Amino acid sequence: MTRPDTAESASLGEAWLAMRAALRAAGLESADLDARLLAANLAGVEPHQLATAGEMLLTQSVRDRLHKALQDRLDGMPVHRILGSREFYGLTLGLSPATLEPRPDTETLVEAVLPLVRETVAAKGSCSIVDLGIGTGAIGLALVAECPQAQCLGIDVSAQAVATARENAETLGLGERYRAIEGDWLSDVDTRFDLIVSNPPYIPTADLACLSREVVEHDPVLALDGGPDGLVAYRVIAAQAGSRLEKSGYLALEIGIGQSQSVTALFTASGFDLLGIFADLGGVDRVLLFKLRATRKTAEQGI
C-alpha cells in the first residue's frame, strides 16, 4: 500500500492529513500531535488555526519543507529537532546538536527556586545565579526572564552549547543579564553566587543503550552520560559548590529516577542541608534543594 505523503498536497489541510496518516501508519504514538506541530509551524500558522486554514494553498517551498519534515520524523528525528526550537517555561529556545531538548520535567527546578530568587532580590536588591551544564541556557534564561533583578552566568564544557545559549539570550533580549562561558563546572570560577542550579548528566553509562532511538541518535551523549553510577557530575559539584556560594545561598539540582538518596548523601557529606525534594508532573522526585550548613562558629556569631 502506498504510504500517504505531503509532496503532492495542494493545501495545508491536505498536507496535514497526509502527514498524520503517514505517522499513524508508522505506529507513532504521538502521530496526531506531531503532525499538528509540524504542519502548523512549517506553514507559519498556529496549531489551533489548522482547522480554519486548511484551504490555504501551499507554495512549492512549503511543500518541500513539509515533505522533508515528514521523512525526518519517520526516520526517528524528534519533532522539535526538526523545527529547531522548543518551548520552555514560556520561552522559545533554539536547539543545536550540542544541546538537549529542554523538557517539562526541568521546569520543576525553575518552580522550586523562583521564590528563593525573589526572596534574595527583596533582601539584597539583586540575585546572582550560576547555571552548570547549560545546554540551551533554559534554566538560567527562565529565571532571569521571570526576575528582572537577577543575573546569571551559564557554564558548559561544550563551545557549541555556549554559543547556542548566548544566541538564545540575545534573541530573548536577555543578553545584558545572562552570560555564558566555556568551563569545567566551577573549576575556573572564583565568584560567589546566591544560587547554583544544574541539570547535569545523570544517566548511568550502561543505561544509555536502553534509551529511545530519538534520544540515543539525537541528544548529545556528553549531556546524558553520568558515568558508571550516574553520579560523576554530582560528586564534582558537591566538592566545588561550598566555596562558590554566599553564606545565605542555595543550590538546586535536577536528578534522575531513584537518585534522591544517593545525591542527598553526597551533598550532606559536603556540608549541605537538604531543604526540599520536588516532584515533577509525573510524581517522580526530580529536584533537590540544598543550603550550606551553618558551622558552629557562624551559628554562634549569628552569621
C-alpha atoms as a PDB file:
ATOM      1  CA  MET A   1       0.000   0.000   0.000  1.00  0.00           C
ATOM      2  CA  THR A   2       1.316   3.438  -0.915  1.00  0.00           C
ATOM      3  CA  ARG A   3       2.193   5.487   2.150  1.00  0.00           C
ATOM      4  CA  PRO A   4       0.432   8.863   2.385  1.00  0.00           C
ATOM      5  CA  ASP A   5       2.755  11.736   1.531  1.00  0.00           C
ATOM      6  CA  THR A   6       2.766  15.515   1.529  1.00  0.00           C
ATOM      7  CA  ALA A   7       4.716  16.109  -1.661  1.00  0.00           C
ATOM      8  CA  GLU A   8       1.602  16.382  -3.857  1.00  0.00           C
ATOM      9  CA  SER A   9      -0.640  18.138  -1.337  1.00  0.00           C
ATOM     10  CA  ALA A  10      -2.139  21.322  -2.737  1.00  0.00           C
ATOM     11  CA  SER A  11      -3.482  22.764   0.507  1.00  0.00           C
ATOM     12  CA  LEU A  12      -2.353  22.910   4.112  1.00  0.00           C
ATOM     13  CA  GLY A  13      -5.283  20.752   5.182  1.00  0.00           C
ATOM     14  CA  GLU A  14      -4.375  18.027   2.710  1.00  0.00           C
ATOM     15  CA  ALA A  15      -0.727  18.101   3.805  1.00  0.00           C
ATOM     16  CA  TRP A  16      -1.660  17.961   7.474  1.00  0.00           C
ATOM     17  CA  LEU A  17      -3.962  14.966   6.993  1.00  0.00           C
ATOM     18  CA  ALA A  18      -1.433  13.186   4.781  1.00  0.00           C
ATOM     19  CA  MET A  19       1.288  13.726   7.378  1.00  0.00           C
ATOM     20  CA  ARG A  20      -0.942  12.480  10.174  1.00  0.00           C
ATOM     21  CA  ALA A  21      -1.895   9.380   8.192  1.00  0.00           C
ATOM     22  CA  ALA A  22       1.747   8.586   7.445  1.00  0.00           C
ATOM     23  CA  LEU A  23       2.800   8.939  11.069  1.00  0.00           C
ATOM     24  CA  ARG A  24      -0.136   6.851  12.258  1.00  0.00           C
ATOM     25  CA  ALA A  25       0.736   4.161   9.716  1.00  0.00           C
ATOM     26  CA  ALA A  26       4.281   4.111  11.109  1.00  0.00           C
ATOM     27  CA  GLY A  27       2.869   3.388  14.579  1.00  0.00           C
ATOM     28  CA  LEU A  28       3.994   6.604  16.273  1.00  0.00           C
ATOM     29  CA  GLU A  29       2.028   7.118  19.493  1.00  0.00           C
ATOM     30  CA  SER A  30       2.335  10.889  19.133  1.00  0.00           C
ATOM     31  CA  ALA A  31       1.346  10.886  15.447  1.00  0.00           C
ATOM     32  CA  ASP A  32      -1.549  13.341  15.755  1.00  0.00           C
ATOM     33  CA  LEU A  33       0.341  15.869  17.871  1.00  0.00           C
ATOM     34  CA  ASP A  34       3.493  15.551  15.770  1.00  0.00           C
ATOM     35  CA  ALA A  35       1.593  16.172  12.549  1.00  0.00           C
ATOM     36  CA  ARG A  36      -0.188  19.175  14.031  1.00  0.00           C
ATOM     37  CA  LEU A  37       3.034  20.773  15.291  1.00  0.00           C
ATOM     38  CA  LEU A  38       4.996  20.156  12.112  1.00  0.00           C
ATOM     39  CA  ALA A  39       2.281  21.230   9.690  1.00  0.00           C
ATOM     40  CA  ALA A  40       1.421  24.397  11.592  1.00  0.00           C
ATOM     41  CA  ASN A  41       4.950  25.549  12.340  1.00  0.00           C
ATOM     42  CA  LEU A  42       6.332  24.899   8.892  1.00  0.00           C
ATOM     43  CA  ALA A  43       3.354  26.620   7.254  1.00  0.00           C
ATOM     44  CA  GLY A  44       3.617  29.604   9.581  1.00  0.00           C
ATOM     45  CA  VAL A  45       0.288  29.293  11.396  1.00  0.00           C
ATOM     46  CA  GLU A  46      -0.683  28.484  14.963  1.00  0.00           C
ATOM     47  CA  PRO A  47      -1.643  24.838  15.598  1.00  0.00           C
ATOM     48  CA  HIS A  48      -5.184  25.838  16.559  1.00  0.00           C
ATOM     49  CA  GLN A  49      -5.565  27.532  13.166  1.00  0.00           C
ATOM     50  CA  LEU A  50      -5.107  24.350  11.146  1.00  0.00           C
ATOM     51  CA  ALA A  51      -8.815  23.624  11.024  1.00  0.00           C
ATOM     52  CA  THR A  52      -9.680  27.083   9.699  1.00  0.00           C
ATOM     53  CA  ALA A  53      -6.599  27.496   7.491  1.00  0.00           C
ATOM     54  CA  GLY A  54      -6.978  24.137   5.803  1.00  0.00           C
ATOM     55  CA  GLU A  55      -7.789  25.650   2.398  1.00  0.00           C
ATOM     56  CA  MET A  56      -4.585  27.684   2.332  1.00  0.00           C
ATOM     57  CA  LEU A  57      -2.677  26.815  -0.835  1.00  0.00           C
ATOM     58  CA  LEU A  58       0.909  25.751  -0.330  1.00  0.00           C
ATOM     59  CA  THR A  59       3.897  27.106  -2.176  1.00  0.00           C
ATOM     60  CA  GLN A  60       6.386  24.602  -3.513  1.00  0.00           C
ATOM     61  CA  SER A  61       8.839  25.724  -0.853  1.00  0.00           C
ATOM     62  CA  VAL A  62       6.419  24.891   1.982  1.00  0.00           C
ATOM     63  CA  ARG A  63       5.510  21.562   0.376  1.00  0.00           C
ATOM     64  CA  ASP A  64       9.209  20.687   0.200  1.00  0.00           C
ATOM     65  CA  ARG A  65       9.723  21.596   3.862  1.00  0.00           C
ATOM     66  CA  LEU A  66       6.712  19.539   4.922  1.00  0.00           C
ATOM     67  CA  HIS A  67       7.872  16.594   2.834  1.00  0.00           C
ATOM     68  CA  LYS A  68      11.366  16.674   4.334  1.00  0.00           C
ATOM     69  CA  ALA A  69       9.954  17.061   7.855  1.00  0.00           C
ATOM     70  CA  LEU A  70       7.765  14.005   7.377  1.00  0.00           C
ATOM     71  CA  GLN A  71      10.685  11.915   6.154  1.00  0.00           C
ATOM     72  CA  ASP A  72      12.868  13.103   9.044  1.00  0.00           C
ATOM     73  CA  ARG A  73      10.157  12.250  11.570  1.00  0.00           C
ATOM     74  CA  LEU A  74       9.667   8.804  10.057  1.00  0.00           C
ATOM     75  CA  ASP A  75      13.433   8.321  10.313  1.00  0.00           C
ATOM     76  CA  GLY A  76      13.263   8.960  14.066  1.00  0.00           C
ATOM     77  CA  MET A  77      14.182  12.626  14.348  1.00  0.00           C
ATOM     78  CA  PRO A  78      12.235  14.288  17.195  1.00  0.00           C
ATOM     79  CA  VAL A  79       9.699  16.954  16.244  1.00  0.00           C
ATOM     80  CA  HIS A  80      11.500  19.793  17.987  1.00  0.00           C
ATOM     81  CA  ARG A  81      14.820  18.841  16.412  1.00  0.00           C
ATOM     82  CA  ILE A  82      13.107  19.157  13.050  1.00  0.00           C
ATOM     83  CA  LEU A  83      11.683  22.547  13.995  1.00  0.00           C
ATOM     84  CA  GLY A  84      14.960  23.682  15.542  1.00  0.00           C
ATOM     85  CA  SER A  85      13.431  25.035  18.737  1.00  0.00           C
ATOM     86  CA  ARG A  86      11.395  24.103  21.775  1.00  0.00           C
ATOM     87  CA  GLU A  87       9.254  25.935  24.317  1.00  0.00           C
ATOM     88  CA  PHE A  88      10.442  26.027  27.918  1.00  0.00           C
ATOM     89  CA  TYR A  89       8.746  27.992  30.692  1.00  0.00           C
ATOM     90  CA  GLY A  90       7.162  30.316  28.144  1.00  0.00           C
ATOM     91  CA  LEU A  91      10.400  30.896  26.210  1.00  0.00           C
ATOM     92  CA  THR A  92      11.211  29.685  22.705  1.00  0.00           C
ATOM     93  CA  LEU A  93      14.732  28.272  22.757  1.00  0.00           C
ATOM     94  CA  GLY A  94      16.826  27.365  19.747  1.00  0.00           C
ATOM     95  CA  LEU A  95      18.416  23.905  19.721  1.00  0.00           C
ATOM     96  CA  SER A  96      21.737  22.642  18.392  1.00  0.00           C
ATOM     97  CA  PRO A  97      23.375  19.206  18.148  1.00  0.00           C
ATOM     98  CA  ALA A  98      25.284  20.003  21.357  1.00  0.00           C
ATOM     99  CA  THR A  99      22.190  20.668  23.464  1.00  0.00           C
ATOM    100  CA  LEU A 100      19.482  18.542  24.985  1.00  0.00           C
ATOM    101  CA  GLU A 101      15.912  19.497  24.283  1.00  0.00           C
ATOM    102  CA  PRO A 102      14.723  21.336  27.398  1.00  0.00           C
ATOM    103  CA  ARG A 103      11.924  19.198  28.792  1.00  0.00           C
ATOM    104  CA  PRO A 104       8.935  19.944  31.023  1.00  0.00           C
ATOM    105  CA  ASP A 105      10.448  17.950  33.923  1.00  0.00           C
ATOM    106  CA  THR A 106      13.177  20.586  34.190  1.00  0.00           C
ATOM    107  CA  GLU A 107      10.586  23.306  34.725  1.00  0.00           C
ATOM    108  CA  THR A 108      10.246  21.745  38.193  1.00  0.00           C
ATOM    109  CA  LEU A 109      13.649  23.187  39.053  1.00  0.00           C
ATOM    110  CA  VAL A 110      12.627  26.677  37.916  1.00  0.00           C
ATOM    111  CA  GLU A 111       9.455  26.493  40.005  1.00  0.00           C
ATOM    112  CA  ALA A 112      11.419  25.285  43.030  1.00  0.00           C
ATOM    113  CA  VAL A 113      13.896  28.164  43.090  1.00  0.00           C
ATOM    114  CA  LEU A 114      11.920  31.136  41.779  1.00  0.00           C
ATOM    115  CA  PRO A 115      10.578  32.016  45.243  1.00  0.00           C
ATOM    116  CA  LEU A 116      14.159  31.979  46.558  1.00  0.00           C
ATOM    117  CA  VAL A 117      15.357  34.222  43.740  1.00  0.00           C
ATOM    118  CA  ARG A 118      12.618  36.715  44.556  1.00  0.00           C
ATOM    119  CA  GLU A 119      13.338  36.411  48.270  1.00  0.00           C
ATOM    120  CA  THR A 120      17.016  37.176  47.638  1.00  0.00           C
ATOM    121  CA  VAL A 121      16.141  40.175  45.457  1.00  0.00           C
ATOM    122  CA  ALA A 122      13.857  41.509  48.172  1.00  0.00           C
ATOM    123  CA  ALA A 123      16.671  41.252  50.717  1.00  0.00           C
ATOM    124  CA  LYS A 124      19.650  42.340  48.589  1.00  0.00           C
ATOM    125  CA  GLY A 125      18.219  44.120  45.563  1.00  0.00           C
ATOM    126  CA  SER A 126      19.682  41.513  43.196  1.00  0.00           C
ATOM    127  CA  CYS A 127      20.344  37.796  42.840  1.00  0.00           C
ATOM    128  CA  SER A 128      23.440  36.236  41.282  1.00  0.00           C
ATOM    129  CA  ILE A 129      22.920  32.798  39.724  1.00  0.00           C
ATOM    130  CA  VAL A 130      25.258  30.286  38.127  1.00  0.00           C
ATOM    131  CA  ASP A 131      23.858  27.504  35.938  1.00  0.00           C
ATOM    132  CA  LEU A 132      26.122  24.496  35.364  1.00  0.00           C
ATOM    133  CA  GLY A 133      25.877  22.416  32.197  1.00  0.00           C
ATOM    134  CA  ILE A 134      23.601  24.888  30.444  1.00  0.00           C
ATOM    135  CA  GLY A 135      22.760  23.346  27.074  1.00  0.00           C
ATOM    136  CA  THR A 136      20.292  25.816  25.560  1.00  0.00           C
ATOM    137  CA  GLY A 137      20.506  28.015  28.654  1.00  0.00           C
ATOM    138  CA  ALA A 138      16.955  27.046  29.582  1.00  0.00           C
ATOM    139  CA  ILE A 139      17.139  27.167  33.382  1.00  0.00           C
ATOM    140  CA  GLY A 140      19.117  30.361  33.751  1.00  0.00           C
ATOM    141  CA  LEU A 141      17.221  32.168  31.000  1.00  0.00           C
ATOM    142  CA  ALA A 142      13.884  31.238  32.533  1.00  0.00           C
ATOM    143  CA  LEU A 143      14.986  32.586  35.902  1.00  0.00           C
ATOM    144  CA  VAL A 144      16.290  35.926  34.638  1.00  0.00           C
ATOM    145  CA  ALA A 145      13.232  36.287  32.392  1.00  0.00           C
ATOM    146  CA  GLU A 146      10.984  35.893  35.430  1.00  0.00           C
ATOM    147  CA  CYS A 147      13.031  38.151  37.699  1.00  0.00           C
ATOM    148  CA  PRO A 148      14.469  41.359  36.168  1.00  0.00           C
ATOM    149  CA  GLN A 149      16.824  41.889  39.128  1.00  0.00           C
ATOM    150  CA  ALA A 150      18.566  38.540  38.613  1.00  0.00           C
ATOM    151  CA  GLN A 151      21.748  37.904  36.651  1.00  0.00           C
ATOM    152  CA  CYS A 152      23.032  34.516  35.530  1.00  0.00           C
ATOM    153  CA  LEU A 153      26.359  33.068  34.486  1.00  0.00           C
ATOM    154  CA  GLY A 154      25.995  29.883  32.436  1.00  0.00           C
ATOM    155  CA  ILE A 155      28.861  27.403  32.198  1.00  0.00           C
ATOM    156  CA  ASP A 156      29.208  24.462  29.820  1.00  0.00           C
ATOM    157  CA  VAL A 157      32.127  22.373  28.601  1.00  0.00           C
ATOM    158  CA  SER A 158      30.750  22.484  25.038  1.00  0.00           C
ATOM    159  CA  ALA A 159      31.621  25.549  22.968  1.00  0.00           C
ATOM    160  CA  GLN A 160      28.643  24.886  20.708  1.00  0.00           C
ATOM    161  CA  ALA A 161      26.260  24.734  23.669  1.00  0.00           C
ATOM    162  CA  VAL A 162      27.672  28.025  24.971  1.00  0.00           C
ATOM    163  CA  ALA A 163      27.139  29.606  21.547  1.00  0.00           C
ATOM    164  CA  THR A 164      23.551  28.311  21.460  1.00  0.00           C
ATOM    165  CA  ALA A 165      22.793  29.683  24.927  1.00  0.00           C
ATOM    166  CA  ARG A 166      24.275  33.065  24.025  1.00  0.00           C
ATOM    167  CA  GLU A 167      22.203  33.216  20.865  1.00  0.00           C
ATOM    168  CA  ASN A 168      19.058  32.336  22.816  1.00  0.00           C
ATOM    169  CA  ALA A 169      19.829  35.059  25.357  1.00  0.00           C
ATOM    170  CA  GLU A 170      20.247  37.667  22.631  1.00  0.00           C
ATOM    171  CA  THR A 171      17.108  36.556  20.783  1.00  0.00           C
ATOM    172  CA  LEU A 172      15.096  36.823  24.000  1.00  0.00           C
ATOM    173  CA  GLY A 173      16.518  40.229  24.858  1.00  0.00           C
ATOM    174  CA  LEU A 174      18.255  38.866  27.966  1.00  0.00           C
ATOM    175  CA  GLY A 175      21.859  39.241  26.843  1.00  0.00           C
ATOM    176  CA  GLU A 176      22.649  42.008  29.331  1.00  0.00           C
ATOM    177  CA  ARG A 177      21.768  39.814  32.307  1.00  0.00           C
ATOM    178  CA  TYR A 178      22.794  36.393  31.004  1.00  0.00           C
ATOM    179  CA  ARG A 179      26.386  35.481  30.212  1.00  0.00           C
ATOM    180  CA  ALA A 180      27.660  32.083  29.037  1.00  0.00           C
ATOM    181  CA  ILE A 181      31.225  30.771  29.109  1.00  0.00           C
ATOM    182  CA  GLU A 182      33.092  27.547  28.466  1.00  0.00           C
ATOM    183  CA  GLY A 183      34.254  25.787  31.594  1.00  0.00           C
ATOM    184  CA  ASP A 184      34.574  22.596  33.601  1.00  0.00           C
ATOM    185  CA  TRP A 185      31.803  23.044  36.150  1.00  0.00           C
ATOM    186  CA  LEU A 186      33.053  25.619  38.720  1.00  0.00           C
ATOM    187  CA  SER A 187      36.763  24.890  38.310  1.00  0.00           C
ATOM    188  CA  ASP A 188      37.751  28.277  36.844  1.00  0.00           C
ATOM    189  CA  VAL A 189      35.252  30.454  38.720  1.00  0.00           C
ATOM    190  CA  ASP A 190      36.162  32.302  41.907  1.00  0.00           C
ATOM    191  CA  THR A 191      32.958  34.314  42.278  1.00  0.00           C
ATOM    192  CA  ARG A 192      30.405  33.526  44.974  1.00  0.00           C
ATOM    193  CA  PHE A 193      26.762  33.243  43.978  1.00  0.00           C
ATOM    194  CA  ASP A 194      23.402  33.471  45.686  1.00  0.00           C
ATOM    195  CA  LEU A 195      22.153  30.420  43.786  1.00  0.00           C
ATOM    196  CA  ILE A 196      23.722  27.466  41.993  1.00  0.00           C
ATOM    197  CA  VAL A 197      21.489  25.436  39.673  1.00  0.00           C
ATOM    198  CA  SER A 198      22.247  22.478  37.467  1.00  0.00           C
ATOM    199  CA  ASN A 199      20.679  19.736  35.392  1.00  0.00           C
ATOM    200  CA  PRO A 200      23.819  17.609  34.991  1.00  0.00           C
ATOM    201  CA  PRO A 201      24.243  14.326  33.110  1.00  0.00           C
ATOM    202  CA  TYR A 202      22.798  11.630  35.378  1.00  0.00           C
ATOM    203  CA  ILE A 203      22.121   8.520  33.304  1.00  0.00           C
ATOM    204  CA  PRO A 204      24.401   5.576  34.197  1.00  0.00           C
ATOM    205  CA  THR A 205      26.572   4.694  31.231  1.00  0.00           C
ATOM    206  CA  ALA A 206      25.186   1.160  30.941  1.00  0.00           C
ATOM    207  CA  ASP A 207      21.638   2.513  30.700  1.00  0.00           C
ATOM    208  CA  LEU A 208      22.320   4.715  27.655  1.00  0.00           C
ATOM    209  CA  ALA A 209      21.732   1.786  25.309  1.00  0.00           C
ATOM    210  CA  CYS A 210      18.215   1.389  26.720  1.00  0.00           C
ATOM    211  CA  LEU A 211      17.122   4.916  25.835  1.00  0.00           C
ATOM    212  CA  SER A 212      14.746   5.546  22.970  1.00  0.00           C
ATOM    213  CA  ARG A 213      16.045   5.927  19.444  1.00  0.00           C
ATOM    214  CA  GLU A 214      15.063   9.588  19.461  1.00  0.00           C
ATOM    215  CA  VAL A 215      17.316  10.243  22.451  1.00  0.00           C
ATOM    216  CA  VAL A 216      20.245   7.996  21.510  1.00  0.00           C
ATOM    217  CA  GLU A 217      20.506   9.279  17.946  1.00  0.00           C
ATOM    218  CA  HIS A 218      19.791  12.966  18.516  1.00  0.00           C
ATOM    219  CA  ASP A 219      20.695  14.048  22.055  1.00  0.00           C
ATOM    220  CA  PRO A 220      24.396  14.655  22.830  1.00  0.00           C
ATOM    221  CA  VAL A 221      25.909  11.796  24.836  1.00  0.00           C
ATOM    222  CA  LEU A 222      28.033  14.306  26.753  1.00  0.00           C
ATOM    223  CA  ALA A 223      24.857  15.768  28.254  1.00  0.00           C
ATOM    224  CA  LEU A 224      23.412  12.342  29.139  1.00  0.00           C
ATOM    225  CA  ASP A 225      26.229  10.120  30.395  1.00  0.00           C
ATOM    226  CA  GLY A 226      26.576  10.396  34.166  1.00  0.00           C
ATOM    227  CA  GLY A 227      29.318   7.786  34.448  1.00  0.00           C
ATOM    228  CA  PRO A 228      29.121   4.240  35.828  1.00  0.00           C
ATOM    229  CA  ASP A 229      26.620   5.096  38.569  1.00  0.00           C
ATOM    230  CA  GLY A 230      25.193   8.308  37.129  1.00  0.00           C
ATOM    231  CA  LEU A 231      26.728  10.401  39.914  1.00  0.00           C
ATOM    232  CA  VAL A 232      30.031  11.632  38.479  1.00  0.00           C
ATOM    233  CA  ALA A 233      28.870  15.210  37.894  1.00  0.00           C
ATOM    234  CA  TYR A 234      27.210  15.429  41.305  1.00  0.00           C
ATOM    235  CA  ARG A 235      30.469  14.484  43.021  1.00  0.00           C
ATOM    236  CA  VAL A 236      32.299  17.291  41.233  1.00  0.00           C
ATOM    237  CA  ILE A 237      29.610  19.851  42.015  1.00  0.00           C
ATOM    238  CA  ALA A 238      29.432  18.758  45.661  1.00  0.00           C
ATOM    239  CA  ALA A 239      33.183  19.224  46.019  1.00  0.00           C
ATOM    240  CA  GLN A 240      33.189  22.694  44.446  1.00  0.00           C
ATOM    241  CA  ALA A 241      29.888  24.338  45.355  1.00  0.00           C
ATOM    242  CA  GLY A 242      30.509  25.121  49.018  1.00  0.00           C
ATOM    243  CA  SER A 243      33.263  27.625  48.257  1.00  0.00           C
ATOM    244  CA  ARG A 244      31.249  29.281  45.463  1.00  0.00           C
ATOM    245  CA  LEU A 245      28.106  30.042  47.456  1.00  0.00           C
ATOM    246  CA  GLU A 246      27.276  33.072  49.540  1.00  0.00           C
ATOM    247  CA  LYS A 247      26.594  32.106  53.175  1.00  0.00           C
ATOM    248  CA  SER A 248      22.861  32.609  52.597  1.00  0.00           C
ATOM    249  CA  GLY A 249      22.933  30.911  49.207  1.00  0.00           C
ATOM    250  CA  TYR A 250      21.097  27.888  47.829  1.00  0.00           C
ATOM    251  CA  LEU A 251      21.846  25.016  45.474  1.00  0.00           C
ATOM    252  CA  ALA A 252      19.251  23.162  43.379  1.00  0.00           C
ATOM    253  CA  LEU A 253      19.800  20.077  41.227  1.00  0.00           C
ATOM    254  CA  GLU A 254      17.749  18.025  38.834  1.00  0.00           C
ATOM    255  CA  ILE A 255      18.152  14.291  39.435  1.00  0.00           C
ATOM    256  CA  GLY A 256      17.255  11.043  37.725  1.00  0.00           C
ATOM    257  CA  ILE A 257      14.742   8.453  38.848  1.00  0.00           C
ATOM    258  CA  GLY A 258      15.792   6.794  42.097  1.00  0.00           C
ATOM    259  CA  GLN A 259      18.756   9.103  42.738  1.00  0.00           C
ATOM    260  CA  SER A 260      17.310  11.172  45.567  1.00  0.00           C
ATOM    261  CA  GLN A 261      19.007   9.347  48.461  1.00  0.00           C
ATOM    262  CA  SER A 262      22.401   8.904  46.814  1.00  0.00           C
ATOM    263  CA  VAL A 263      22.675  12.529  45.664  1.00  0.00           C
ATOM    264  CA  THR A 264      21.462  13.808  49.021  1.00  0.00           C
ATOM    265  CA  ALA A 265      24.140  11.727  50.750  1.00  0.00           C
ATOM    266  CA  LEU A 266      26.861  13.275  48.579  1.00  0.00           C
ATOM    267  CA  PHE A 267      25.822  16.821  49.397  1.00  0.00           C
ATOM    268  CA  THR A 268      25.145  16.333  53.090  1.00  0.00           C
ATOM    269  CA  ALA A 269      28.643  14.841  53.369  1.00  0.00           C
ATOM    270  CA  SER A 270      29.964  18.004  51.691  1.00  0.00           C
ATOM    271  CA  GLY A 271      28.381  20.368  54.208  1.00  0.00           C
ATOM    272  CA  PHE A 272      24.887  20.955  52.806  1.00  0.00           C
ATOM    273  CA  ASP A 273      21.493  20.522  54.394  1.00  0.00           C
ATOM    274  CA  LEU A 274      18.590  19.249  52.323  1.00  0.00           C
ATOM    275  CA  LEU A 275      15.743  21.786  52.329  1.00  0.00           C
ATOM    276  CA  GLY A 276      13.303  20.114  49.990  1.00  0.00           C
ATOM    277  CA  ILE A 277      12.515  17.465  47.385  1.00  0.00           C
ATOM    278  CA  PHE A 278      10.292  18.489  44.476  1.00  0.00           C
ATOM    279  CA  ALA A 279       8.382  16.035  42.284  1.00  0.00           C
ATOM    280  CA  ASP A 280       7.703  16.544  38.584  1.00  0.00           C
ATOM    281  CA  LEU A 281       4.268  16.313  36.994  1.00  0.00           C
ATOM    282  CA  GLY A 282       4.598  12.534  36.905  1.00  0.00           C
ATOM    283  CA  GLY A 283       5.125  12.372  40.659  1.00  0.00           C
ATOM    284  CA  VAL A 284       8.821  11.467  40.337  1.00  0.00           C
ATOM    285  CA  ASP A 285      11.344  13.109  42.683  1.00  0.00           C
ATOM    286  CA  ARG A 286      13.057  15.447  40.244  1.00  0.00           C
ATOM    287  CA  VAL A 287      14.726  18.332  42.112  1.00  0.00           C
ATOM    288  CA  LEU A 288      16.725  18.566  45.330  1.00  0.00           C
ATOM    289  CA  LEU A 289      17.167  21.894  47.093  1.00  0.00           C
ATOM    290  CA  PHE A 290      20.111  22.416  49.469  1.00  0.00           C
ATOM    291  CA  LYS A 291      21.589  25.136  51.649  1.00  0.00           C
ATOM    292  CA  LEU A 292      25.075  25.318  53.124  1.00  0.00           C
ATOM    293  CA  ARG A 293      25.116  24.015  56.654  1.00  0.00           C
ATOM    294  CA  ALA A 294      25.975  26.699  59.193  1.00  0.00           C
ATOM    295  CA  THR A 295      29.179  25.940  61.059  1.00  0.00           C
ATOM    296  CA  ARG A 296      29.211  26.181  64.841  1.00  0.00           C
ATOM    297  CA  LYS A 297      31.261  29.379  64.645  1.00  0.00           C
ATOM    298  CA  THR A 298      28.970  31.141  62.192  1.00  0.00           C
ATOM    299  CA  ALA A 299      25.881  29.968  64.046  1.00  0.00           C
ATOM    300  CA  GLU A 300      27.209  31.386  67.316  1.00  0.00           C
ATOM    301  CA  GLN A 301      28.022  34.675  65.610  1.00  0.00           C
ATOM    302  CA  GLY A 302      24.613  34.814  64.013  1.00  0.00           C
ATOM    303  CA  ILE A 303      26.051  34.876  60.516  1.00  0.00           C
END
